[in-house]
Amino acid sequence: MPRVIEPSEVRARNTVALARWLLGKHLVSRDPAAPDGAHRARITETEAYHGPRDLACHASKGRTPRTEVMFAPGGVWYVYLCYGVHEMLNLVTGPADWPAAVLIRGVETVSGPGRLTRALGIDRRLNARPAAPASGLWLEDDGLVVPRRAILAGPRVGIAYAGPVWAAKPWRFGLRTGCAAAPLTPAAGASRRTVSSPAPSRARSRADGSR
């Protein structure tokens, strides 16, 4: 029986570890057509954005009306518009006043953050809402075990503006079952779980809303 992941479970300083931990968890949305009223999609790709010193993180530019949600206690959604077209879904993960988030880049059958939100009908109406059933979008853990060999890592996508140090951080994670925007390599220190399948594809257009 899947259990709902409580918002308090993602309030930690280790955003990178949380990005890995989220792989294999379910992103769940309301679906009246489903037998139990919910649609579940397993998360296959994530990216970590860790605090104000991370120059790829929106909060590196300070506390603004747009980034205010990132300073909230973790467990709320941060949804913003990218390139004026793509809605991007992030899970705020830090404790209060520590701005950090994980971008949900892909789920099974849908690769790319812009495609993901379009497929699931996610938009900015969810911004600052809790990652809980009350908001209509939440996370579940069905106990799936993901072994280290099933997790790949690589640089985040579309962040050259952050400079060579931050752009090179291997803070994008994917399951071998998913489709990644760019090459990924086996990740060190990944969580223990049980998933296997083909390696992710190595190419995809930026038109899908890749960051």
C-alpha atoms as a PDB file:
ATOM      1  CA  MET A   1       0.000   0.000   0.000  1.00  0.00           C
ATOM      2  CA  PRO A   2       1.612   3.300  -1.046  1.00  0.00           C
ATOM      3  CA  ARG A   3       2.063   5.838   1.703  1.00  0.00           C
ATOM      4  CA  VAL A   4       1.822   9.599   1.301  1.00  0.00           C
ATOM      5  CA  ILE A   5       5.165  11.347   1.792  1.00  0.00           C
ATOM      6  CA  GLU A   6       4.573  14.101   4.301  1.00  0.00           C
ATOM      7  CA  PRO A   7       5.913  17.610   3.519  1.00  0.00           C
ATOM      8  CA  SER A   8       8.019  17.483   6.686  1.00  0.00           C
ATOM      9  CA  GLU A   9       9.994  14.535   5.252  1.00  0.00           C
ATOM     10  CA  VAL A  10      11.663  16.728   2.631  1.00  0.00           C
ATOM     11  CA  ARG A  11      12.786  19.537   4.933  1.00  0.00           C
ATOM     12  CA  ALA A  12      16.543  18.998   4.962  1.00  0.00           C
ATOM     13  CA  ARG A  13      19.736  20.817   4.025  1.00  0.00           C
ATOM     14  CA  ASN A  14      20.934  17.952   1.809  1.00  0.00           C
ATOM     15  CA  THR A  15      19.079  18.856  -1.367  1.00  0.00           C
ATOM     16  CA  VAL A  16      21.319  16.673  -3.542  1.00  0.00           C
ATOM     17  CA  ALA A  17      20.543  13.551  -1.498  1.00  0.00           C
ATOM     18  CA  LEU A  18      16.835  14.385  -1.650  1.00  0.00           C
ATOM     19  CA  ALA A  19      16.987  14.675  -5.440  1.00  0.00           C
ATOM     20  CA  ARG A  20      18.372  11.127  -5.587  1.00  0.00           C
ATOM     21  CA  TRP A  21      15.888   9.872  -2.983  1.00  0.00           C
ATOM     22  CA  LEU A  22      12.920  11.118  -5.010  1.00  0.00           C
ATOM     23  CA  LEU A  23      13.807   8.797  -7.906  1.00  0.00           C
ATOM     24  CA  GLY A  24      11.336   5.938  -7.951  1.00  0.00           C
ATOM     25  CA  LYS A  25       8.773   7.772  -5.841  1.00  0.00           C
ATOM     26  CA  HIS A  26       5.343   8.499  -7.292  1.00  0.00           C
ATOM     27  CA  LEU A  27       4.116  11.919  -8.347  1.00  0.00           C
ATOM     28  CA  VAL A  28       0.368  11.706  -7.747  1.00  0.00           C
ATOM     29  CA  SER A  29      -2.403  13.929  -9.101  1.00  0.00           C
ATOM     30  CA  ARG A  30      -6.179  13.881  -8.909  1.00  0.00           C
ATOM     31  CA  ASP A  31      -7.831  11.890 -11.705  1.00  0.00           C
ATOM     32  CA  PRO A  32     -11.590  11.313 -11.484  1.00  0.00           C
ATOM     33  CA  ALA A  33     -11.299   8.675 -14.211  1.00  0.00           C
ATOM     34  CA  ALA A  34      -8.916   6.494 -12.181  1.00  0.00           C
ATOM     35  CA  PRO A  35     -10.364   3.714  -9.996  1.00  0.00           C
ATOM     36  CA  ASP A  36      -9.130   5.366  -6.802  1.00  0.00           C
ATOM     37  CA  GLY A  37      -9.358   8.933  -8.112  1.00  0.00           C
ATOM     38  CA  ALA A  38      -5.589   9.412  -8.514  1.00  0.00           C
ATOM     39  CA  HIS A  39      -3.042   9.197 -11.327  1.00  0.00           C
ATOM     40  CA  ARG A  40       0.427   7.930 -10.333  1.00  0.00           C
ATOM     41  CA  ALA A  41       3.632   8.423 -12.313  1.00  0.00           C
ATOM     42  CA  ARG A  42       7.007   7.207 -11.098  1.00  0.00           C
ATOM     43  CA  ILE A  43       9.689   9.916 -10.965  1.00  0.00           C
ATOM     44  CA  THR A  44      12.621   9.101 -13.255  1.00  0.00           C
ATOM     45  CA  GLU A  45      14.676  12.320 -13.438  1.00  0.00           C
ATOM     46  CA  THR A  46      15.410  15.189 -11.034  1.00  0.00           C
ATOM     47  CA  GLU A  47      17.792  18.131 -10.553  1.00  0.00           C
ATOM     48  CA  ALA A  48      18.963  19.701  -7.282  1.00  0.00           C
ATOM     49  CA  TYR A  49      19.234  23.469  -6.717  1.00  0.00           C
ATOM     50  CA  HIS A  50      20.943  24.070  -3.410  1.00  0.00           C
ATOM     51  CA  GLY A  51      20.824  27.421  -1.671  1.00  0.00           C
ATOM     52  CA  PRO A  52      21.831  31.020  -2.405  1.00  0.00           C
ATOM     53  CA  ARG A  53      25.461  30.190  -3.214  1.00  0.00           C
ATOM     54  CA  ASP A  54      24.401  27.872  -6.035  1.00  0.00           C
ATOM     55  CA  LEU A  55      24.547  30.287  -8.972  1.00  0.00           C
ATOM     56  CA  ALA A  56      22.162  28.085 -10.956  1.00  0.00           C
ATOM     57  CA  CYS A  57      19.525  28.456  -8.231  1.00  0.00           C
ATOM     58  CA  HIS A  58      16.940  31.216  -8.666  1.00  0.00           C
ATOM     59  CA  ALA A  59      17.522  32.237  -5.046  1.00  0.00           C
ATOM     60  CA  SER A  60      21.127  33.195  -5.837  1.00  0.00           C
ATOM     61  CA  LYS A  61      19.681  36.508  -7.036  1.00  0.00           C
ATOM     62  CA  GLY A  62      18.104  37.184  -3.658  1.00  0.00           C
ATOM     63  CA  ARG A  63      14.688  37.117  -2.085  1.00  0.00           C
ATOM     64  CA  THR A  64      12.149  38.383  -4.625  1.00  0.00           C
ATOM     65  CA  PRO A  65       8.402  37.960  -5.135  1.00  0.00           C
ATOM     66  CA  ARG A  66       9.180  35.095  -7.516  1.00  0.00           C
ATOM     67  CA  THR A  67      11.631  33.288  -5.216  1.00  0.00           C
ATOM     68  CA  GLU A  68       9.829  33.938  -1.926  1.00  0.00           C
ATOM     69  CA  VAL A  69       8.307  30.445  -2.054  1.00  0.00           C
ATOM     70  CA  MET A  70      11.809  28.928  -2.052  1.00  0.00           C
ATOM     71  CA  PHE A  71      12.414  30.395   1.418  1.00  0.00           C
ATOM     72  CA  ALA A  72       9.372  28.617   2.846  1.00  0.00           C
ATOM     73  CA  PRO A  73       9.694  25.401   4.864  1.00  0.00           C
ATOM     74  CA  GLY A  74      10.171  22.468   2.482  1.00  0.00           C
ATOM     75  CA  GLY A  75       7.251  20.454   1.222  1.00  0.00           C
ATOM     76  CA  VAL A  76       5.569  23.033  -1.008  1.00  0.00           C
ATOM     77  CA  TRP A  77       5.569  23.326  -4.783  1.00  0.00           C
ATOM     78  CA  TYR A  78       7.481  25.991  -6.686  1.00  0.00           C
ATOM     79  CA  VAL A  79       6.028  26.339 -10.187  1.00  0.00           C
ATOM     80  CA  TYR A  80       7.351  28.962 -12.585  1.00  0.00           C
ATOM     81  CA  LEU A  81       7.171  29.777 -16.285  1.00  0.00           C
ATOM     82  CA  CYS A  82      10.271  29.053 -18.383  1.00  0.00           C
ATOM     83  CA  TYR A  83      10.907  30.817 -21.724  1.00  0.00           C
ATOM     84  CA  GLY A  84       7.380  32.196 -21.466  1.00  0.00           C
ATOM     85  CA  VAL A  85       6.001  28.785 -22.468  1.00  0.00           C
ATOM     86  CA  HIS A  86       6.826  25.902 -20.131  1.00  0.00           C
ATOM     87  CA  GLU A  87       5.562  25.438 -16.585  1.00  0.00           C
ATOM     88  CA  MET A  88       8.333  23.945 -14.416  1.00  0.00           C
ATOM     89  CA  LEU A  89       7.530  21.878 -11.310  1.00  0.00           C
ATOM     90  CA  ASN A  90       9.893  22.053  -8.342  1.00  0.00           C
ATOM     91  CA  LEU A  91       9.640  20.700  -4.816  1.00  0.00           C
ATOM     92  CA  VAL A  92      10.936  23.142  -2.183  1.00  0.00           C
ATOM     93  CA  THR A  93      13.170  21.131   0.141  1.00  0.00           C
ATOM     94  CA  GLY A  94      15.004  23.369   2.582  1.00  0.00           C
ATOM     95  CA  PRO A  95      14.109  24.316   6.118  1.00  0.00           C
ATOM     96  CA  ALA A  96      12.600  27.796   6.493  1.00  0.00           C
ATOM     97  CA  ASP A  97      14.839  30.551   5.085  1.00  0.00           C
ATOM     98  CA  TRP A  98      17.151  28.106   3.282  1.00  0.00           C
ATOM     99  CA  PRO A  99      16.141  28.358  -0.414  1.00  0.00           C
ATOM    100  CA  ALA A 100      16.536  25.013  -2.107  1.00  0.00           C
ATOM    101  CA  ALA A 101      14.423  22.928  -4.463  1.00  0.00           C
ATOM    102  CA  VAL A 102      14.365  19.847  -6.648  1.00  0.00           C
ATOM    103  CA  LEU A 103      13.189  20.192 -10.241  1.00  0.00           C
ATOM    104  CA  ILE A 104      11.062  17.225 -11.335  1.00  0.00           C
ATOM    105  CA  ARG A 105      12.429  16.648 -14.842  1.00  0.00           C
ATOM    106  CA  GLY A 106      10.718  13.429 -15.807  1.00  0.00           C
ATOM    107  CA  VAL A 107       8.355  10.612 -14.908  1.00  0.00           C
ATOM    108  CA  GLU A 108       7.814   7.246 -16.543  1.00  0.00           C
ATOM    109  CA  THR A 109       6.515   7.745 -20.107  1.00  0.00           C
ATOM    110  CA  VAL A 110       7.148  11.535 -20.016  1.00  0.00           C
ATOM    111  CA  SER A 111      10.649  13.003 -20.365  1.00  0.00           C
ATOM    112  CA  GLY A 112      11.370  16.703 -19.950  1.00  0.00           C
ATOM    113  CA  PRO A 113      10.012  19.128 -17.344  1.00  0.00           C
ATOM    114  CA  GLY A 114       7.910  21.098 -19.817  1.00  0.00           C
ATOM    115  CA  ARG A 115       6.359  17.971 -21.260  1.00  0.00           C
ATOM    116  CA  LEU A 116       5.730  16.614 -17.769  1.00  0.00           C
ATOM    117  CA  THR A 117       3.667  19.574 -16.576  1.00  0.00           C
ATOM    118  CA  ARG A 118       1.788  19.731 -19.868  1.00  0.00           C
ATOM    119  CA  ALA A 119       0.926  16.016 -19.712  1.00  0.00           C
ATOM    120  CA  LEU A 120      -0.249  16.221 -16.096  1.00  0.00           C
ATOM    121  CA  GLY A 121      -2.032  19.572 -16.366  1.00  0.00           C
ATOM    122  CA  ILE A 122       0.273  21.260 -13.829  1.00  0.00           C
ATOM    123  CA  ASP A 123       0.542  25.048 -13.816  1.00  0.00           C
ATOM    124  CA  ARG A 124       1.314  28.018 -11.556  1.00  0.00           C
ATOM    125  CA  ARG A 125      -1.946  27.670  -9.682  1.00  0.00           C
ATOM    126  CA  LEU A 126      -0.023  25.088  -7.633  1.00  0.00           C
ATOM    127  CA  ASN A 127       2.768  27.530  -6.768  1.00  0.00           C
ATOM    128  CA  ALA A 128       3.340  27.691  -2.979  1.00  0.00           C
ATOM    129  CA  ARG A 129       0.719  24.991  -2.381  1.00  0.00           C
ATOM    130  CA  PRO A 130       1.665  22.043  -0.142  1.00  0.00           C
ATOM    131  CA  ALA A 131       2.837  18.779  -1.664  1.00  0.00           C
ATOM    132  CA  ALA A 132      -0.145  17.039  -0.115  1.00  0.00           C
ATOM    133  CA  PRO A 133      -3.493  15.544  -1.206  1.00  0.00           C
ATOM    134  CA  ALA A 134      -5.242  18.758  -0.166  1.00  0.00           C
ATOM    135  CA  SER A 135      -3.551  20.608  -3.057  1.00  0.00           C
ATOM    136  CA  GLY A 136      -4.298  17.908  -5.618  1.00  0.00           C
ATOM    137  CA  LEU A 137      -0.620  17.052  -6.224  1.00  0.00           C
ATOM    138  CA  TRP A 138       1.478  15.015  -3.823  1.00  0.00           C
ATOM    139  CA  LEU A 139       4.165  12.333  -3.476  1.00  0.00           C
ATOM    140  CA  GLU A 140       3.873   8.677  -2.513  1.00  0.00           C
ATOM    141  CA  ASP A 141       6.319   5.910  -1.641  1.00  0.00           C
ATOM    142  CA  ASP A 142       5.282   2.382  -2.614  1.00  0.00           C
ATOM    143  CA  GLY A 143       8.437   0.797  -1.186  1.00  0.00           C
ATOM    144  CA  LEU A 144      10.213   0.319  -4.515  1.00  0.00           C
ATOM    145  CA  VAL A 145      13.934  -0.248  -3.962  1.00  0.00           C
ATOM    146  CA  VAL A 146      16.329   1.484  -6.377  1.00  0.00           C
ATOM    147  CA  PRO A 147      19.877   0.034  -6.429  1.00  0.00           C
ATOM    148  CA  ARG A 148      22.888   2.304  -6.947  1.00  0.00           C
ATOM    149  CA  ARG A 149      23.562   0.787 -10.359  1.00  0.00           C
ATOM    150  CA  ALA A 150      20.133   2.000 -11.534  1.00  0.00           C
ATOM    151  CA  ILE A 151      20.853   5.698 -10.777  1.00  0.00           C
ATOM    152  CA  LEU A 152      22.800   7.881 -13.202  1.00  0.00           C
ATOM    153  CA  ALA A 153      24.141  11.405 -12.646  1.00  0.00           C
ATOM    154  CA  GLY A 154      25.257  14.312 -14.803  1.00  0.00           C
ATOM    155  CA  PRO A 155      25.393  18.114 -15.049  1.00  0.00           C
ATOM    156  CA  ARG A 156      22.182  20.092 -14.869  1.00  0.00           C
ATOM    157  CA  VAL A 157      20.653  21.257 -18.134  1.00  0.00           C
ATOM    158  CA  GLY A 158      20.619  24.805 -19.526  1.00  0.00           C
ATOM    159  CA  ILE A 159      22.595  26.555 -16.773  1.00  0.00           C
ATOM    160  CA  ALA A 160      25.777  27.736 -18.509  1.00  0.00           C
ATOM    161  CA  TYR A 161      24.998  31.196 -17.103  1.00  0.00           C
ATOM    162  CA  ALA A 162      25.964  29.888 -13.633  1.00  0.00           C
ATOM    163  CA  GLY A 163      29.630  29.620 -14.609  1.00  0.00           C
ATOM    164  CA  PRO A 164      31.853  26.566 -15.086  1.00  0.00           C
ATOM    165  CA  VAL A 165      31.967  25.452 -11.445  1.00  0.00           C
ATOM    166  CA  TRP A 166      28.226  25.374 -10.818  1.00  0.00           C
ATOM    167  CA  ALA A 167      27.329  24.272 -14.347  1.00  0.00           C
ATOM    168  CA  ALA A 168      29.533  21.204 -13.911  1.00  0.00           C
ATOM    169  CA  LYS A 169      27.984  20.008 -10.648  1.00  0.00           C
ATOM    170  CA  PRO A 170      26.614  16.461 -11.241  1.00  0.00           C
ATOM    171  CA  TRP A 171      23.318  17.295  -9.586  1.00  0.00           C
ATOM    172  CA  ARG A 172      20.980  15.862 -12.197  1.00  0.00           C
ATOM    173  CA  PHE A 173      19.875  12.305 -11.487  1.00  0.00           C
ATOM    174  CA  GLY A 174      17.997   9.780 -13.545  1.00  0.00           C
ATOM    175  CA  LEU A 175      16.852   6.174 -13.491  1.00  0.00           C
ATOM    176  CA  ARG A 176      18.061   3.901 -16.245  1.00  0.00           C
ATOM    177  CA  THR A 177      14.358   3.373 -16.969  1.00  0.00           C
ATOM    178  CA  GLY A 178      13.926   7.062 -17.885  1.00  0.00           C
ATOM    179  CA  CYS A 179      14.905   9.238 -20.832  1.00  0.00           C
ATOM    180  CA  ALA A 180      17.446  11.946 -20.011  1.00  0.00           C
ATOM    181  CA  ALA A 181      18.116  15.233 -21.808  1.00  0.00           C
ATOM    182  CA  ALA A 182      21.865  14.615 -21.957  1.00  0.00           C
ATOM    183  CA  PRO A 183      24.307  11.822 -21.079  1.00  0.00           C
ATOM    184  CA  LEU A 184      24.328  10.641 -17.473  1.00  0.00           C
ATOM    185  CA  THR A 185      26.888   8.459 -15.703  1.00  0.00           C
ATOM    186  CA  PRO A 186      26.542   6.099 -12.715  1.00  0.00           C
ATOM    187  CA  ALA A 187      25.928   8.111  -9.566  1.00  0.00           C
ATOM    188  CA  ALA A 188      27.991   7.702  -6.422  1.00  0.00           C
ATOM    189  CA  GLY A 189      26.166   7.289  -3.130  1.00  0.00           C
ATOM    190  CA  ALA A 190      22.761   6.643  -4.689  1.00  0.00           C
ATOM    191  CA  SER A 191      19.972   5.095  -2.664  1.00  0.00           C
ATOM    192  CA  ARG A 192      19.355   1.330  -2.443  1.00  0.00           C
ATOM    193  CA  ARG A 193      16.362   0.312  -4.577  1.00  0.00           C
ATOM    194  CA  THR A 194      15.313  -2.217  -7.223  1.00  0.00           C
ATOM    195  CA  VAL A 195      14.762  -0.955 -10.749  1.00  0.00           C
ATOM    196  CA  SER A 196      16.353  -1.995 -13.992  1.00  0.00           C
ATOM    197  CA  SER A 197      15.866  -1.438 -17.725  1.00  0.00           C
ATOM    198  CA  PRO A 198      17.423   0.245 -20.743  1.00  0.00           C
ATOM    199  CA  ALA A 199      19.759   3.226 -20.356  1.00  0.00           C
ATOM    200  CA  PRO A 200      18.315   6.705 -20.987  1.00  0.00           C
ATOM    201  CA  SER A 201      18.435   8.162 -24.454  1.00  0.00           C
ATOM    202  CA  ARG A 202      21.200  10.708 -25.096  1.00  0.00           C
ATOM    203  CA  ALA A 203      19.377  13.354 -27.023  1.00  0.00           C
ATOM    204  CA  ARG A 204      16.336  15.559 -26.764  1.00  0.00           C
ATOM    205  CA  SER A 205      15.364  18.983 -28.012  1.00  0.00           C
ATOM    206  CA  ARG A 206      15.491  21.973 -25.677  1.00  0.00           C
ATOM    207  CA  ALA A 207      12.004  22.745 -26.975  1.00  0.00           C
ATOM    208  CA  ASP A 208      10.586  20.553 -24.209  1.00  0.00           C
ATOM    209  CA  GLY A 209      11.421  23.167 -21.600  1.00  0.00           C
ATOM    210  CA  SER A 210      14.742  21.837 -20.381  1.00  0.00           C
ATOM    211  CA  ARG A 211      16.179  24.315 -17.952  1.00  0.00           C
END
